[in-house]
Amino acid sequence: SDNSMIRIFQNILSGFLQPFVPDVREKCVSVVKASVELFQKIRKELLPTPTRSHYTFNLRDLSKVFQGVC
């Protein structure tokens, strides 16, 4: 569910942002919620077709975003 994804990625990102200044740490919740919303929108709107079979998105794609941020 969205709440589970938010909780998981928020914990990961907040742990990574601990050494940063408070202004940066405060953005954690916003970044995670926006990323999950964008991921869900992409999954619903960019459906795979025979010509675009590479449009298959899963949780691994979202985790790669946070891996890149960290």
C-alpha atoms as a PDB file:
ATOM      1  CA  SER A   1       0.000   0.000   0.000  1.00  0.00           C
ATOM      2  CA  ASP A   2       1.022   3.620  -0.344  1.00  0.00           C
ATOM      3  CA  ASN A   3       1.288   4.050   3.415  1.00  0.00           C
ATOM      4  CA  SER A   4       3.666   1.110   3.674  1.00  0.00           C
ATOM      5  CA  MET A   5       5.853   2.432   0.874  1.00  0.00           C
ATOM      6  CA  ILE A   6       5.903   5.884   2.449  1.00  0.00           C
ATOM      7  CA  ARG A   7       6.868   4.469   5.837  1.00  0.00           C
ATOM      8  CA  ILE A   8       9.636   2.279   4.407  1.00  0.00           C
ATOM      9  CA  PHE A   9      11.231   4.920   2.199  1.00  0.00           C
ATOM     10  CA  GLN A  10      10.791   7.635   4.794  1.00  0.00           C
ATOM     11  CA  ASN A  11      12.772   5.555   7.294  1.00  0.00           C
ATOM     12  CA  ILE A  12      15.508   4.902   4.748  1.00  0.00           C
ATOM     13  CA  LEU A  13      15.777   8.528   3.662  1.00  0.00           C
ATOM     14  CA  SER A  14      15.551  10.000   7.156  1.00  0.00           C
ATOM     15  CA  GLY A  15      18.382   7.744   8.280  1.00  0.00           C
ATOM     16  CA  PHE A  16      20.505   8.938   5.377  1.00  0.00           C
ATOM     17  CA  LEU A  17      19.688  12.610   6.044  1.00  0.00           C
ATOM     18  CA  GLN A  18      20.621  12.562   9.758  1.00  0.00           C
ATOM     19  CA  PRO A  19      24.009  14.297   9.301  1.00  0.00           C
ATOM     20  CA  PHE A  20      22.434  17.107   7.252  1.00  0.00           C
ATOM     21  CA  VAL A  21      21.125  20.438   8.532  1.00  0.00           C
ATOM     22  CA  PRO A  22      17.520  20.525   9.807  1.00  0.00           C
ATOM     23  CA  ASP A  23      16.269  22.365   6.709  1.00  0.00           C
ATOM     24  CA  VAL A  24      17.300  19.415   4.545  1.00  0.00           C
ATOM     25  CA  ARG A  25      15.991  16.774   6.978  1.00  0.00           C
ATOM     26  CA  GLU A  26      12.561  18.455   7.000  1.00  0.00           C
ATOM     27  CA  LYS A  27      12.153  17.781   3.268  1.00  0.00           C
ATOM     28  CA  CYS A  28      12.237  14.007   3.793  1.00  0.00           C
ATOM     29  CA  VAL A  29       8.480  13.557   4.146  1.00  0.00           C
ATOM     30  CA  SER A  30       7.713  15.763   1.138  1.00  0.00           C
ATOM     31  CA  VAL A  31      10.237  13.999  -1.087  1.00  0.00           C
ATOM     32  CA  VAL A  32       8.975  10.545  -0.152  1.00  0.00           C
ATOM     33  CA  LYS A  33       5.288  11.402  -0.578  1.00  0.00           C
ATOM     34  CA  ALA A  34       5.903  13.095  -3.925  1.00  0.00           C
ATOM     35  CA  SER A  35       7.967  10.155  -5.151  1.00  0.00           C
ATOM     36  CA  VAL A  36       5.322   7.598  -4.177  1.00  0.00           C
ATOM     37  CA  GLU A  37       2.556   9.697  -5.772  1.00  0.00           C
ATOM     38  CA  LEU A  38       4.558  10.042  -8.976  1.00  0.00           C
ATOM     39  CA  PHE A  39       5.325   6.313  -9.002  1.00  0.00           C
ATOM     40  CA  GLN A  40       1.636   5.426  -8.637  1.00  0.00           C
ATOM     41  CA  LYS A  41       0.638   7.892 -11.354  1.00  0.00           C
ATOM     42  CA  ILE A  42       3.246   6.494 -13.736  1.00  0.00           C
ATOM     43  CA  ARG A  43       2.106   2.923 -13.043  1.00  0.00           C
ATOM     44  CA  LYS A  44      -1.492   3.860 -13.867  1.00  0.00           C
ATOM     45  CA  GLU A  45      -0.879   6.037 -16.918  1.00  0.00           C
ATOM     46  CA  LEU A  46       2.136   4.477 -18.641  1.00  0.00           C
ATOM     47  CA  LEU A  47       0.757   1.018 -19.234  1.00  0.00           C
ATOM     48  CA  PRO A  48       2.700  -1.467 -21.359  1.00  0.00           C
ATOM     49  CA  THR A  49       1.583  -1.962 -24.956  1.00  0.00           C
ATOM     50  CA  PRO A  50       2.997  -4.223 -27.676  1.00  0.00           C
ATOM     51  CA  THR A  51       5.137  -1.334 -28.957  1.00  0.00           C
ATOM     52  CA  ARG A  52       6.125  -0.198 -25.449  1.00  0.00           C
ATOM     53  CA  SER A  53       6.578  -3.450 -23.593  1.00  0.00           C
ATOM     54  CA  HIS A  54       9.341  -1.859 -21.482  1.00  0.00           C
ATOM     55  CA  TYR A  55       6.685   0.193 -19.629  1.00  0.00           C
ATOM     56  CA  THR A  56       6.494  -2.170 -16.691  1.00  0.00           C
ATOM     57  CA  PHE A  57       7.099  -0.461 -13.379  1.00  0.00           C
ATOM     58  CA  ASN A  58       7.463  -2.110  -9.997  1.00  0.00           C
ATOM     59  CA  LEU A  59       8.695  -1.328  -6.508  1.00  0.00           C
ATOM     60  CA  ARG A  60      12.278  -1.928  -7.582  1.00  0.00           C
ATOM     61  CA  ASP A  61      12.094   1.165  -9.801  1.00  0.00           C
ATOM     62  CA  LEU A  62      11.025   3.321  -6.869  1.00  0.00           C
ATOM     63  CA  SER A  63      13.742   1.856  -4.669  1.00  0.00           C
ATOM     64  CA  LYS A  64      16.331   2.742  -7.325  1.00  0.00           C
ATOM     65  CA  VAL A  65      15.245   6.386  -7.038  1.00  0.00           C
ATOM     66  CA  PHE A  66      15.997   6.402  -3.325  1.00  0.00           C
ATOM     67  CA  GLN A  67      19.188   4.462  -3.837  1.00  0.00           C
ATOM     68  CA  GLY A  68      20.290   7.206  -6.223  1.00  0.00           C
ATOM     69  CA  VAL A  69      19.400   9.917  -3.721  1.00  0.00           C
ATOM     70  CA  CYS A  70      21.317   8.191  -0.938  1.00  0.00           C
END
